[in-house]
Amino acid sequence: MVGMKSGRTIGEKRERLETASERASIKKKAKKRRFLRIFSTTLGFVVIAICAAMLFFWIFRGDDNSGMSYRPTIVVPYAPTVEVIDEDAGSEAELSSSMKEYIGQAEADFRELGYIPTKVVRPVGSIRELDFYLEGYTGFIKLTTDRGTGVSVEDADRMIRYLTGQGITDFQYIDVRLSGQAYWK
């Protein structure tokens, strides 16, 4: 033990004890650093949000001199142009606006495929069934509002082409209310 001195560590320096006031000062400085870190991060996010909002309003400011003006598109709901008969009530007034829009959309889809709808009937006691009558065909097409108009009209078109290919020109009805299935009578 000749090389060791009393009160010293192996590193040859005596450990220094911190006083209570020094510990309080260190805690206070750490608290200030944490506050500044949170404040600067929050300020940074606010600056980024303001810049993004300014960029958005600059791009979509809507003046005619800019090529990047924003004009909202006005969507006109479909409305039926053919006679609609509600067999429960006897008039079109009892149909909801969503039912009228569905009929108008289906009518437009039929016209797009080359068919001309002549009238639409909502049968007695049905809530979602619609019967579409087409010009040049004796029967009608049963659709349901539970399915989209595009797929229902497409299924009806396939069934009409299939029946025509089989030599069947007269039918009482074609039922395309179920997905992936079609019936005729």
C-alpha atoms as a PDB file:
ATOM      1  CA  MET A   1       0.000   0.000   0.000  1.00  0.00           C
ATOM      2  CA  VAL A   2       2.834   2.244  -0.547  1.00  0.00           C
ATOM      3  CA  GLY A   3       1.481   3.878  -3.719  1.00  0.00           C
ATOM      4  CA  MET A   4      -2.009   4.603  -2.323  1.00  0.00           C
ATOM      5  CA  LYS A   5      -2.736   7.781  -0.431  1.00  0.00           C
ATOM      6  CA  SER A   6      -5.470   8.224   2.060  1.00  0.00           C
ATOM      7  CA  GLY A   7      -8.734   9.806   0.799  1.00  0.00           C
ATOM      8  CA  ARG A   8      -7.869   9.381  -2.886  1.00  0.00           C
ATOM      9  CA  THR A   9      -9.412   7.210  -5.569  1.00  0.00           C
ATOM     10  CA  ILE A  10      -7.514   5.126  -8.019  1.00  0.00           C
ATOM     11  CA  GLY A  11      -7.867   7.926 -10.564  1.00  0.00           C
ATOM     12  CA  GLU A  12      -5.829  10.118  -8.224  1.00  0.00           C
ATOM     13  CA  LYS A  13      -8.570  12.698  -7.746  1.00  0.00           C
ATOM     14  CA  ARG A  14     -10.781  13.098  -4.801  1.00  0.00           C
ATOM     15  CA  GLU A  15     -14.506  12.964  -5.555  1.00  0.00           C
ATOM     16  CA  ARG A  16     -16.195  16.246  -4.956  1.00  0.00           C
ATOM     17  CA  LEU A  17     -19.491  16.403  -3.122  1.00  0.00           C
ATOM     18  CA  GLU A  18     -22.259  18.664  -4.501  1.00  0.00           C
ATOM     19  CA  THR A  19     -24.025  20.984  -2.195  1.00  0.00           C
ATOM     20  CA  ALA A  20     -27.805  21.314  -2.050  1.00  0.00           C
ATOM     21  CA  SER A  21     -27.723  24.743  -3.704  1.00  0.00           C
ATOM     22  CA  GLU A  22     -25.623  23.389  -6.597  1.00  0.00           C
ATOM     23  CA  ARG A  23     -28.122  20.513  -7.126  1.00  0.00           C
ATOM     24  CA  ALA A  24     -31.031  22.996  -7.105  1.00  0.00           C
ATOM     25  CA  SER A  25     -29.197  25.168  -9.632  1.00  0.00           C
ATOM     26  CA  ILE A  26     -28.614  22.160 -11.933  1.00  0.00           C
ATOM     27  CA  LYS A  27     -32.318  21.162 -11.688  1.00  0.00           C
ATOM     28  CA  LYS A  28     -33.356  24.716 -12.479  1.00  0.00           C
ATOM     29  CA  LYS A  29     -31.104  24.798 -15.571  1.00  0.00           C
ATOM     30  CA  ALA A  30     -32.441  21.406 -16.744  1.00  0.00           C
ATOM     31  CA  LYS A  31     -36.005  22.651 -16.305  1.00  0.00           C
ATOM     32  CA  LYS A  32     -35.227  25.778 -18.382  1.00  0.00           C
ATOM     33  CA  ARG A  33     -33.630  23.642 -21.132  1.00  0.00           C
ATOM     34  CA  ARG A  34     -36.672  21.334 -21.227  1.00  0.00           C
ATOM     35  CA  PHE A  35     -39.043  24.332 -21.425  1.00  0.00           C
ATOM     36  CA  LEU A  36     -36.985  25.899 -24.232  1.00  0.00           C
ATOM     37  CA  ARG A  37     -36.911  22.575 -26.124  1.00  0.00           C
ATOM     38  CA  ILE A  38     -40.720  22.173 -25.890  1.00  0.00           C
ATOM     39  CA  PHE A  39     -41.298  25.837 -26.740  1.00  0.00           C
ATOM     40  CA  SER A  40     -39.003  25.764 -29.775  1.00  0.00           C
ATOM     41  CA  THR A  41     -40.548  22.509 -31.052  1.00  0.00           C
ATOM     42  CA  THR A  42     -44.053  23.942 -30.701  1.00  0.00           C
ATOM     43  CA  LEU A  43     -43.000  27.180 -32.355  1.00  0.00           C
ATOM     44  CA  GLY A  44     -41.468  25.183 -35.213  1.00  0.00           C
ATOM     45  CA  PHE A  45     -44.719  23.295 -35.798  1.00  0.00           C
ATOM     46  CA  VAL A  46     -46.702  26.542 -35.739  1.00  0.00           C
ATOM     47  CA  VAL A  47     -44.361  28.099 -38.313  1.00  0.00           C
ATOM     48  CA  ILE A  48     -44.661  25.024 -40.565  1.00  0.00           C
ATOM     49  CA  ALA A  49     -48.479  25.101 -40.293  1.00  0.00           C
ATOM     50  CA  ILE A  50     -48.577  28.803 -41.155  1.00  0.00           C
ATOM     51  CA  CYS A  51     -46.292  28.253 -44.155  1.00  0.00           C
ATOM     52  CA  ALA A  52     -48.432  25.358 -45.361  1.00  0.00           C
ATOM     53  CA  ALA A  53     -51.608  27.446 -45.022  1.00  0.00           C
ATOM     54  CA  MET A  54     -50.022  30.345 -46.895  1.00  0.00           C
ATOM     55  CA  LEU A  55     -48.893  27.973 -49.663  1.00  0.00           C
ATOM     56  CA  PHE A  56     -52.372  26.459 -49.897  1.00  0.00           C
ATOM     57  CA  PHE A  57     -54.037  29.870 -50.163  1.00  0.00           C
ATOM     58  CA  TRP A  58     -51.429  31.051 -52.655  1.00  0.00           C
ATOM     59  CA  ILE A  59     -52.053  28.046 -54.919  1.00  0.00           C
ATOM     60  CA  PHE A  60     -55.855  28.174 -54.630  1.00  0.00           C
ATOM     61  CA  ARG A  61     -56.359  31.911 -54.360  1.00  0.00           C
ATOM     62  CA  GLY A  62     -58.651  31.853 -57.386  1.00  0.00           C
ATOM     63  CA  ASP A  63     -57.661  34.975 -59.295  1.00  0.00           C
ATOM     64  CA  ASP A  64     -57.988  34.649 -63.058  1.00  0.00           C
ATOM     65  CA  ASN A  65     -54.410  35.714 -63.749  1.00  0.00           C
ATOM     66  CA  SER A  66     -53.091  32.525 -62.205  1.00  0.00           C
ATOM     67  CA  GLY A  67     -53.240  29.296 -64.151  1.00  0.00           C
ATOM     68  CA  MET A  68     -53.814  27.424 -60.931  1.00  0.00           C
ATOM     69  CA  SER A  69     -57.151  28.842 -59.877  1.00  0.00           C
ATOM     70  CA  TYR A  70     -59.577  26.699 -57.931  1.00  0.00           C
ATOM     71  CA  ARG A  71     -63.151  26.505 -59.099  1.00  0.00           C
ATOM     72  CA  PRO A  72     -65.483  24.200 -57.188  1.00  0.00           C
ATOM     73  CA  THR A  73     -67.370  21.780 -59.391  1.00  0.00           C
ATOM     74  CA  ILE A  74     -71.101  21.771 -59.018  1.00  0.00           C
ATOM     75  CA  VAL A  75     -72.539  18.292 -59.030  1.00  0.00           C
ATOM     76  CA  VAL A  76     -76.021  18.177 -60.436  1.00  0.00           C
ATOM     77  CA  PRO A  77     -77.913  15.185 -59.102  1.00  0.00           C
ATOM     78  CA  TYR A  78     -79.611  12.946 -61.618  1.00  0.00           C
ATOM     79  CA  ALA A  79     -83.324  13.428 -62.014  1.00  0.00           C
ATOM     80  CA  PRO A  80     -85.719  11.118 -63.818  1.00  0.00           C
ATOM     81  CA  THR A  81     -87.037  12.334 -67.167  1.00  0.00           C
ATOM     82  CA  VAL A  82     -89.407   9.422 -67.743  1.00  0.00           C
ATOM     83  CA  GLU A  83     -92.762   8.742 -66.153  1.00  0.00           C
ATOM     84  CA  VAL A  84     -92.371   7.340 -62.623  1.00  0.00           C
ATOM     85  CA  ILE A  85     -95.326   5.467 -61.174  1.00  0.00           C
ATOM     86  CA  ASP A  86     -95.504   4.616 -57.481  1.00  0.00           C
ATOM     87  CA  GLU A  87     -98.190   1.943 -57.331  1.00  0.00           C
ATOM     88  CA  ASP A  88     -98.561   2.391 -53.566  1.00  0.00           C
ATOM     89  CA  ALA A  89     -99.385   6.094 -53.782  1.00  0.00           C
ATOM     90  CA  GLY A  90    -100.058   6.582 -57.482  1.00  0.00           C
ATOM     91  CA  SER A  91     -97.824   9.651 -57.850  1.00  0.00           C
ATOM     92  CA  GLU A  92     -94.188  10.645 -58.035  1.00  0.00           C
ATOM     93  CA  ALA A  93     -94.497  12.935 -55.008  1.00  0.00           C
ATOM     94  CA  GLU A  94     -94.202  10.013 -52.585  1.00  0.00           C
ATOM     95  CA  LEU A  95     -90.711   9.047 -53.802  1.00  0.00           C
ATOM     96  CA  SER A  96     -87.716  10.233 -51.801  1.00  0.00           C
ATOM     97  CA  SER A  97     -85.042  12.397 -53.364  1.00  0.00           C
ATOM     98  CA  SER A  98     -82.516   9.546 -53.182  1.00  0.00           C
ATOM     99  CA  MET A  99     -84.970   7.247 -55.004  1.00  0.00           C
ATOM    100  CA  LYS A 100     -85.460   9.882 -57.711  1.00  0.00           C
ATOM    101  CA  GLU A 101     -81.695  10.288 -58.037  1.00  0.00           C
ATOM    102  CA  TYR A 102     -81.270   6.499 -58.337  1.00  0.00           C
ATOM    103  CA  ILE A 103     -83.924   6.385 -61.072  1.00  0.00           C
ATOM    104  CA  GLY A 104     -82.254   9.266 -62.928  1.00  0.00           C
ATOM    105  CA  GLN A 105     -78.829   7.607 -62.688  1.00  0.00           C
ATOM    106  CA  ALA A 106     -80.188   4.249 -63.901  1.00  0.00           C
ATOM    107  CA  GLU A 107     -81.995   6.004 -66.730  1.00  0.00           C
ATOM    108  CA  ALA A 108     -78.742   7.706 -67.770  1.00  0.00           C
ATOM    109  CA  ASP A 109     -76.902   4.359 -67.602  1.00  0.00           C
ATOM    110  CA  PHE A 110     -79.532   2.685 -69.805  1.00  0.00           C
ATOM    111  CA  ARG A 111     -79.292   5.536 -72.331  1.00  0.00           C
ATOM    112  CA  GLU A 112     -75.504   5.251 -72.337  1.00  0.00           C
ATOM    113  CA  LEU A 113     -75.835   1.597 -73.411  1.00  0.00           C
ATOM    114  CA  GLY A 114     -78.303   2.479 -76.176  1.00  0.00           C
ATOM    115  CA  TYR A 115     -81.599   1.638 -74.480  1.00  0.00           C
ATOM    116  CA  ILE A 116     -84.457   4.108 -74.161  1.00  0.00           C
ATOM    117  CA  PRO A 117     -86.366   3.892 -70.870  1.00  0.00           C
ATOM    118  CA  THR A 118     -90.069   4.686 -71.235  1.00  0.00           C
ATOM    119  CA  LYS A 119     -91.311   4.447 -67.649  1.00  0.00           C
ATOM    120  CA  VAL A 120     -90.378   3.277 -64.161  1.00  0.00           C
ATOM    121  CA  VAL A 121     -92.749   1.572 -61.745  1.00  0.00           C
ATOM    122  CA  ARG A 122     -92.308   1.016 -58.021  1.00  0.00           C
ATOM    123  CA  PRO A 123     -94.483  -2.052 -57.351  1.00  0.00           C
ATOM    124  CA  VAL A 124     -97.015  -2.281 -54.551  1.00  0.00           C
ATOM    125  CA  GLY A 125     -95.481  -3.294 -51.233  1.00  0.00           C
ATOM    126  CA  SER A 126     -91.869  -2.931 -52.351  1.00  0.00           C
ATOM    127  CA  ILE A 127     -89.454  -0.525 -50.799  1.00  0.00           C
ATOM    128  CA  ARG A 128     -86.309  -0.959 -52.883  1.00  0.00           C
ATOM    129  CA  GLU A 129     -87.520  -2.582 -56.110  1.00  0.00           C
ATOM    130  CA  LEU A 130     -87.931  -0.599 -59.321  1.00  0.00           C
ATOM    131  CA  ASP A 131     -89.233  -1.926 -62.635  1.00  0.00           C
ATOM    132  CA  PHE A 132     -87.770  -0.257 -65.726  1.00  0.00           C
ATOM    133  CA  TYR A 133     -89.647  -0.489 -69.022  1.00  0.00           C
ATOM    134  CA  LEU A 134     -87.521  -0.086 -72.154  1.00  0.00           C
ATOM    135  CA  GLU A 135     -88.615   0.933 -75.622  1.00  0.00           C
ATOM    136  CA  GLY A 136     -88.809  -2.030 -77.987  1.00  0.00           C
ATOM    137  CA  TYR A 137     -89.160  -4.692 -75.268  1.00  0.00           C
ATOM    138  CA  THR A 138     -92.402  -6.185 -73.986  1.00  0.00           C
ATOM    139  CA  GLY A 139     -91.217  -6.959 -70.465  1.00  0.00           C
ATOM    140  CA  PHE A 140     -89.515  -4.931 -67.768  1.00  0.00           C
ATOM    141  CA  ILE A 141     -86.235  -5.024 -65.848  1.00  0.00           C
ATOM    142  CA  LYS A 142     -86.350  -5.498 -62.051  1.00  0.00           C
ATOM    143  CA  LEU A 143     -83.667  -3.466 -60.262  1.00  0.00           C
ATOM    144  CA  THR A 144     -83.011  -2.895 -56.569  1.00  0.00           C
ATOM    145  CA  THR A 145     -81.685   0.271 -54.995  1.00  0.00           C
ATOM    146  CA  ASP A 146     -79.378  -1.854 -52.823  1.00  0.00           C
ATOM    147  CA  ARG A 147     -77.026  -2.310 -55.779  1.00  0.00           C
ATOM    148  CA  GLY A 148     -75.342   0.391 -57.811  1.00  0.00           C
ATOM    149  CA  THR A 149     -77.031   1.478 -61.013  1.00  0.00           C
ATOM    150  CA  GLY A 150     -73.967   0.781 -63.137  1.00  0.00           C
ATOM    151  CA  VAL A 151     -73.670  -2.901 -62.246  1.00  0.00           C
ATOM    152  CA  SER A 152     -77.427  -3.494 -62.353  1.00  0.00           C
ATOM    153  CA  VAL A 153     -77.825  -1.909 -65.785  1.00  0.00           C
ATOM    154  CA  GLU A 154     -74.763  -3.762 -67.038  1.00  0.00           C
ATOM    155  CA  ASP A 155     -76.240  -7.075 -65.832  1.00  0.00           C
ATOM    156  CA  ALA A 156     -79.543  -6.227 -67.538  1.00  0.00           C
ATOM    157  CA  ASP A 157     -77.686  -5.430 -70.772  1.00  0.00           C
ATOM    158  CA  ARG A 158     -75.848  -8.775 -70.626  1.00  0.00           C
ATOM    159  CA  MET A 159     -79.109 -10.634 -70.030  1.00  0.00           C
ATOM    160  CA  ILE A 160     -80.887  -8.856 -72.900  1.00  0.00           C
ATOM    161  CA  ARG A 161     -77.974  -9.677 -75.235  1.00  0.00           C
ATOM    162  CA  TYR A 162     -77.973 -13.295 -74.025  1.00  0.00           C
ATOM    163  CA  LEU A 163     -81.720 -13.694 -74.631  1.00  0.00           C
ATOM    164  CA  THR A 164     -81.433 -12.061 -78.049  1.00  0.00           C
ATOM    165  CA  GLY A 165     -78.592 -14.448 -78.890  1.00  0.00           C
ATOM    166  CA  GLN A 166     -80.819 -17.380 -77.891  1.00  0.00           C
ATOM    167  CA  GLY A 167     -83.589 -16.119 -80.163  1.00  0.00           C
ATOM    168  CA  ILE A 168     -85.835 -15.003 -77.314  1.00  0.00           C
ATOM    169  CA  THR A 169     -87.338 -11.634 -78.103  1.00  0.00           C
ATOM    170  CA  ASP A 170     -90.336 -11.525 -75.750  1.00  0.00           C
ATOM    171  CA  PHE A 171     -90.025 -11.829 -71.992  1.00  0.00           C
ATOM    172  CA  GLN A 172     -92.247 -10.925 -69.086  1.00  0.00           C
ATOM    173  CA  TYR A 173     -89.404  -9.612 -66.921  1.00  0.00           C
ATOM    174  CA  ILE A 174     -85.673  -9.797 -66.288  1.00  0.00           C
ATOM    175  CA  ASP A 175     -84.604  -9.828 -62.645  1.00  0.00           C
ATOM    176  CA  VAL A 176     -81.085  -8.505 -61.930  1.00  0.00           C
ATOM    177  CA  ARG A 177     -81.566  -7.711 -58.247  1.00  0.00           C
ATOM    178  CA  LEU A 178     -78.966 -10.265 -57.087  1.00  0.00           C
ATOM    179  CA  SER A 179     -75.269  -9.814 -57.797  1.00  0.00           C
ATOM    180  CA  GLY A 180     -73.905 -12.374 -60.243  1.00  0.00           C
ATOM    181  CA  GLN A 181     -77.365 -13.819 -61.024  1.00  0.00           C
ATOM    182  CA  ALA A 182     -80.077 -12.926 -63.489  1.00  0.00           C
ATOM    183  CA  TYR A 183     -83.501 -14.455 -64.039  1.00  0.00           C
ATOM    184  CA  TRP A 184     -86.039 -14.086 -66.786  1.00  0.00           C
ATOM    185  CA  LYS A 185     -89.576 -15.203 -67.384  1.00  0.00           C
END
